[in-house]
Amino acid sequence: TLGARPGWRRGVLVARALPPPSAKMASGYIRYLFQKQPLSVLVGSTALLSTGGYLLKLSQARVNMRAHKIATEAGIERAEERAREAEEHVRAHHTAVRSADEMVKLGTSLLDKGLEDKVALSRGGPAQLAKLERELKAAKQAVDAAHKAALEPAH
């Protein structure tokens, strides 16, 4: 009878039913089955069905990997864009700090020169000089406070 043949069980070919380890081997195995067996036998073949199922699983896994790769690349692009924007904000802040620092230095030098000129022209003596020194000290403290405020991080 048909069931007595080796590799057959109730008229169905069951030999080599395990899925092959790669798509190339799976497609080669399907070609082998079609060459060795008649089509009527292959329709009910467990080996053919398991190999076809394996190919479907393999193609689904490739689709999933591609989708994951696309999503990962999009996430990396968004992160890089956020990093570029943050760098631009930092550059703008540093530029503002530098310009404030330059203005403070310019103001200090002008203030020093103006007070020195006042002292040279003044005839009020030591009292006038002490008053101008106090003004100079207060102006320098104001300049230092402005400089510290410019160095604080932007919020």
C-alpha atoms as a PDB file:
ATOM      1  CA  THR A   1       0.000   0.000   0.000  1.00  0.00           C
ATOM      2  CA  LEU A   2       0.902   3.622  -0.265  1.00  0.00           C
ATOM      3  CA  GLY A   3       1.405   4.075   3.485  1.00  0.00           C
ATOM      4  CA  ALA A   4       3.989   1.274   3.588  1.00  0.00           C
ATOM      5  CA  ARG A   5       6.535   3.199   1.516  1.00  0.00           C
ATOM      6  CA  PRO A   6       9.346   4.913   3.452  1.00  0.00           C
ATOM      7  CA  GLY A   7       8.850   8.681   3.726  1.00  0.00           C
ATOM      8  CA  TRP A   8       5.100   8.392   3.198  1.00  0.00           C
ATOM      9  CA  ARG A   9       2.345   8.474   5.771  1.00  0.00           C
ATOM     10  CA  ARG A  10      -1.233   7.900   4.609  1.00  0.00           C
ATOM     11  CA  GLY A  11      -0.340   8.977   1.091  1.00  0.00           C
ATOM     12  CA  VAL A  12       1.427  12.223   2.058  1.00  0.00           C
ATOM     13  CA  LEU A  13       5.118  12.908   1.642  1.00  0.00           C
ATOM     14  CA  VAL A  14       6.508  13.833   5.101  1.00  0.00           C
ATOM     15  CA  ALA A  15      10.255  13.433   4.694  1.00  0.00           C
ATOM     16  CA  ARG A  16      12.414  16.498   5.267  1.00  0.00           C
ATOM     17  CA  ALA A  17       9.599  18.572   6.787  1.00  0.00           C
ATOM     18  CA  LEU A  18      11.930  20.791   8.848  1.00  0.00           C
ATOM     19  CA  PRO A  19      12.405  24.310   7.453  1.00  0.00           C
ATOM     20  CA  PRO A  20      15.797  24.993   5.892  1.00  0.00           C
ATOM     21  CA  PRO A  21      18.053  27.588   7.542  1.00  0.00           C
ATOM     22  CA  SER A  22      18.126  30.140   4.706  1.00  0.00           C
ATOM     23  CA  ALA A  23      15.944  31.491   1.910  1.00  0.00           C
ATOM     24  CA  LYS A  24      18.416  30.277  -0.712  1.00  0.00           C
ATOM     25  CA  MET A  25      18.254  26.747   0.662  1.00  0.00           C
ATOM     26  CA  ALA A  26      14.459  26.937   0.947  1.00  0.00           C
ATOM     27  CA  SER A  27      13.994  27.946  -2.683  1.00  0.00           C
ATOM     28  CA  GLY A  28      16.488  25.269  -3.755  1.00  0.00           C
ATOM     29  CA  TYR A  29      14.604  22.689  -1.706  1.00  0.00           C
ATOM     30  CA  ILE A  30      11.311  23.666  -3.375  1.00  0.00           C
ATOM     31  CA  ARG A  31      12.948  23.233  -6.807  1.00  0.00           C
ATOM     32  CA  TYR A  32      14.253  19.818  -5.678  1.00  0.00           C
ATOM     33  CA  LEU A  33      10.764  18.751  -4.548  1.00  0.00           C
ATOM     34  CA  PHE A  34       9.218  19.802  -7.872  1.00  0.00           C
ATOM     35  CA  GLN A  35      11.843  17.862  -9.831  1.00  0.00           C
ATOM     36  CA  LYS A  36      11.564  14.661  -7.787  1.00  0.00           C
ATOM     37  CA  GLN A  37       7.831  14.381  -7.083  1.00  0.00           C
ATOM     38  CA  PRO A  38       4.680  14.662  -9.219  1.00  0.00           C
ATOM     39  CA  LEU A  39       2.536  17.770  -8.666  1.00  0.00           C
ATOM     40  CA  SER A  40      -0.374  15.786  -7.192  1.00  0.00           C
ATOM     41  CA  VAL A  41       1.925  14.545  -4.412  1.00  0.00           C
ATOM     42  CA  LEU A  42       3.417  17.994  -3.795  1.00  0.00           C
ATOM     43  CA  VAL A  43       0.040  19.668  -3.216  1.00  0.00           C
ATOM     44  CA  GLY A  44      -0.382  17.753   0.034  1.00  0.00           C
ATOM     45  CA  SER A  45       3.297  17.711   0.908  1.00  0.00           C
ATOM     46  CA  THR A  46       4.116  18.739   4.461  1.00  0.00           C
ATOM     47  CA  ALA A  47       7.680  19.480   3.361  1.00  0.00           C
ATOM     48  CA  LEU A  48       6.484  21.911   0.675  1.00  0.00           C
ATOM     49  CA  LEU A  49       4.010  23.595   3.025  1.00  0.00           C
ATOM     50  CA  SER A  50       6.569  24.016   5.801  1.00  0.00           C
ATOM     51  CA  THR A  51       9.149  25.375   3.341  1.00  0.00           C
ATOM     52  CA  GLY A  52       6.606  27.833   1.907  1.00  0.00           C
ATOM     53  CA  GLY A  53       5.627  28.890   5.421  1.00  0.00           C
ATOM     54  CA  TYR A  54       9.270  29.402   6.250  1.00  0.00           C
ATOM     55  CA  LEU A  55       9.679  31.657   3.194  1.00  0.00           C
ATOM     56  CA  LEU A  56       6.629  33.692   4.276  1.00  0.00           C
ATOM     57  CA  LYS A  57       8.029  34.075   7.796  1.00  0.00           C
ATOM     58  CA  LEU A  58      11.402  35.072   6.381  1.00  0.00           C
ATOM     59  CA  SER A  59       9.882  37.729   4.113  1.00  0.00           C
ATOM     60  CA  GLN A  60       7.793  39.074   7.030  1.00  0.00           C
ATOM     61  CA  ALA A  61      10.927  39.282   9.176  1.00  0.00           C
ATOM     62  CA  ARG A  62      12.691  41.218   6.404  1.00  0.00           C
ATOM     63  CA  VAL A  63       9.732  43.634   6.156  1.00  0.00           C
ATOM     64  CA  ASN A  64       9.804  44.119   9.943  1.00  0.00           C
ATOM     65  CA  MET A  65      13.575  44.729   9.935  1.00  0.00           C
ATOM     66  CA  ARG A  66      13.231  47.294   7.123  1.00  0.00           C
ATOM     67  CA  ALA A  67      10.414  49.103   8.970  1.00  0.00           C
ATOM     68  CA  HIS A  68      12.516  49.145  12.147  1.00  0.00           C
ATOM     69  CA  LYS A  69      15.501  50.512  10.208  1.00  0.00           C
ATOM     70  CA  ILE A  70      13.377  53.295   8.670  1.00  0.00           C
ATOM     71  CA  ALA A  71      11.927  54.234  12.075  1.00  0.00           C
ATOM     72  CA  THR A  72      15.400  54.223  13.654  1.00  0.00           C
ATOM     73  CA  GLU A  73      16.840  56.416  10.885  1.00  0.00           C
ATOM     74  CA  ALA A  74      13.938  58.875  11.269  1.00  0.00           C
ATOM     75  CA  GLY A  75      14.512  59.017  15.033  1.00  0.00           C
ATOM     76  CA  ILE A  76      18.231  59.651  14.529  1.00  0.00           C
ATOM     77  CA  GLU A  77      17.464  62.440  12.036  1.00  0.00           C
ATOM     78  CA  ARG A  78      15.077  64.116  14.507  1.00  0.00           C
ATOM     79  CA  ALA A  79      17.661  63.862  17.308  1.00  0.00           C
ATOM     80  CA  GLU A  80      20.370  65.361  15.074  1.00  0.00           C
ATOM     81  CA  GLU A  81      18.032  68.228  14.110  1.00  0.00           C
ATOM     82  CA  ARG A  82      17.317  68.952  17.798  1.00  0.00           C
ATOM     83  CA  ALA A  83      21.071  68.900  18.508  1.00  0.00           C
ATOM     84  CA  ARG A  84      21.706  71.384  15.660  1.00  0.00           C
ATOM     85  CA  GLU A  85      18.995  73.706  17.015  1.00  0.00           C
ATOM     86  CA  ALA A  86      20.495  73.503  20.516  1.00  0.00           C
ATOM     87  CA  GLU A  87      23.952  74.342  19.115  1.00  0.00           C
ATOM     88  CA  GLU A  88      22.485  77.388  17.337  1.00  0.00           C
ATOM     89  CA  HIS A  89      20.897  78.570  20.612  1.00  0.00           C
ATOM     90  CA  VAL A  90      24.215  78.112  22.439  1.00  0.00           C
ATOM     91  CA  ARG A  91      26.082  80.040  19.708  1.00  0.00           C
ATOM     92  CA  ALA A  92      23.541  82.874  19.885  1.00  0.00           C
ATOM     93  CA  HIS A  93      23.892  83.016  23.673  1.00  0.00           C
ATOM     94  CA  HIS A  94      27.712  83.088  23.454  1.00  0.00           C
ATOM     95  CA  THR A  95      27.517  85.871  20.859  1.00  0.00           C
ATOM     96  CA  ALA A  96      25.252  87.886  23.169  1.00  0.00           C
ATOM     97  CA  VAL A  97      27.642  87.334  26.094  1.00  0.00           C
ATOM     98  CA  ARG A  98      30.648  88.392  23.989  1.00  0.00           C
ATOM     99  CA  SER A  99      28.932  91.556  22.757  1.00  0.00           C
ATOM    100  CA  ALA A 100      27.841  92.407  26.325  1.00  0.00           C
ATOM    101  CA  ASP A 101      31.402  91.831  27.524  1.00  0.00           C
ATOM    102  CA  GLU A 102      32.778  94.130  24.801  1.00  0.00           C
ATOM    103  CA  MET A 103      30.239  96.809  25.702  1.00  0.00           C
ATOM    104  CA  VAL A 104      31.197  96.515  29.378  1.00  0.00           C
ATOM    105  CA  LYS A 105      34.902  96.911  28.534  1.00  0.00           C
ATOM    106  CA  LEU A 106      34.202  99.891  26.288  1.00  0.00           C
ATOM    107  CA  GLY A 107      31.994 101.512  28.927  1.00  0.00           C
ATOM    108  CA  THR A 108      34.619 100.940  31.614  1.00  0.00           C
ATOM    109  CA  SER A 109      37.410 102.472  29.530  1.00  0.00           C
ATOM    110  CA  LEU A 110      35.269 105.496  28.619  1.00  0.00           C
ATOM    111  CA  LEU A 111      34.232 105.923  32.242  1.00  0.00           C
ATOM    112  CA  ASP A 112      37.833 105.708  33.448  1.00  0.00           C
ATOM    113  CA  LYS A 113      38.978 108.244  30.853  1.00  0.00           C
ATOM    114  CA  GLY A 114      36.135 110.642  31.662  1.00  0.00           C
ATOM    115  CA  LEU A 115      36.789 110.494  35.405  1.00  0.00           C
ATOM    116  CA  GLU A 116      40.526 110.936  34.923  1.00  0.00           C
ATOM    117  CA  ASP A 117      39.824 114.011  32.785  1.00  0.00           C
ATOM    118  CA  LYS A 118      37.478 115.344  35.477  1.00  0.00           C
ATOM    119  CA  VAL A 119      40.136 114.837  38.157  1.00  0.00           C
ATOM    120  CA  ALA A 120      42.771 116.568  36.041  1.00  0.00           C
ATOM    121  CA  LEU A 121      40.513 119.556  35.379  1.00  0.00           C
ATOM    122  CA  SER A 122      39.063 119.796  38.857  1.00  0.00           C
ATOM    123  CA  ARG A 123      40.344 122.337  41.321  1.00  0.00           C
ATOM    124  CA  GLY A 124      38.350 121.062  44.284  1.00  0.00           C
ATOM    125  CA  GLY A 125      41.267 119.263  45.843  1.00  0.00           C
ATOM    126  CA  PRO A 126      41.203 116.002  47.816  1.00  0.00           C
ATOM    127  CA  ALA A 127      37.447 116.136  48.584  1.00  0.00           C
ATOM    128  CA  GLN A 128      36.613 116.352  44.883  1.00  0.00           C
ATOM    129  CA  LEU A 129      39.079 113.519  44.156  1.00  0.00           C
ATOM    130  CA  ALA A 130      37.547 111.281  46.852  1.00  0.00           C
ATOM    131  CA  LYS A 131      34.059 111.936  45.440  1.00  0.00           C
ATOM    132  CA  LEU A 132      35.205 111.032  41.924  1.00  0.00           C
ATOM    133  CA  GLU A 133      36.904 107.866  43.216  1.00  0.00           C
ATOM    134  CA  ARG A 134      33.628 106.844  44.905  1.00  0.00           C
ATOM    135  CA  GLU A 135      31.783 107.480  41.626  1.00  0.00           C
ATOM    136  CA  LEU A 136      34.377 105.414  39.786  1.00  0.00           C
ATOM    137  CA  LYS A 137      34.055 102.560  42.298  1.00  0.00           C
ATOM    138  CA  ALA A 138      30.228 102.630  42.061  1.00  0.00           C
ATOM    139  CA  ALA A 139      30.403 102.683  38.256  1.00  0.00           C
ATOM    140  CA  LYS A 140      32.818  99.724  38.225  1.00  0.00           C
ATOM    141  CA  GLN A 141      30.495  97.766  40.553  1.00  0.00           C
ATOM    142  CA  ALA A 142      27.576  98.491  38.206  1.00  0.00           C
ATOM    143  CA  VAL A 143      29.675  97.325  35.246  1.00  0.00           C
ATOM    144  CA  ASP A 144      30.640  94.117  37.114  1.00  0.00           C
ATOM    145  CA  ALA A 145      26.974  93.457  37.951  1.00  0.00           C
ATOM    146  CA  ALA A 146      26.023  93.942  34.279  1.00  0.00           C
ATOM    147  CA  HIS A 147      28.832  91.595  33.260  1.00  0.00           C
ATOM    148  CA  LYS A 148      27.644  88.883  35.690  1.00  0.00           C
ATOM    149  CA  ALA A 149      24.070  89.259  34.439  1.00  0.00           C
ATOM    150  CA  ALA A 150      25.279  88.792  30.852  1.00  0.00           C
ATOM    151  CA  LEU A 151      27.130  85.580  31.770  1.00  0.00           C
ATOM    152  CA  GLU A 152      24.106  83.908  33.369  1.00  0.00           C
ATOM    153  CA  PRO A 153      22.574  81.209  31.129  1.00  0.00           C
ATOM    154  CA  ALA A 154      19.537  82.159  29.075  1.00  0.00           C
ATOM    155  CA  HIS A 155      16.256  80.595  30.222  1.00  0.00           C
END
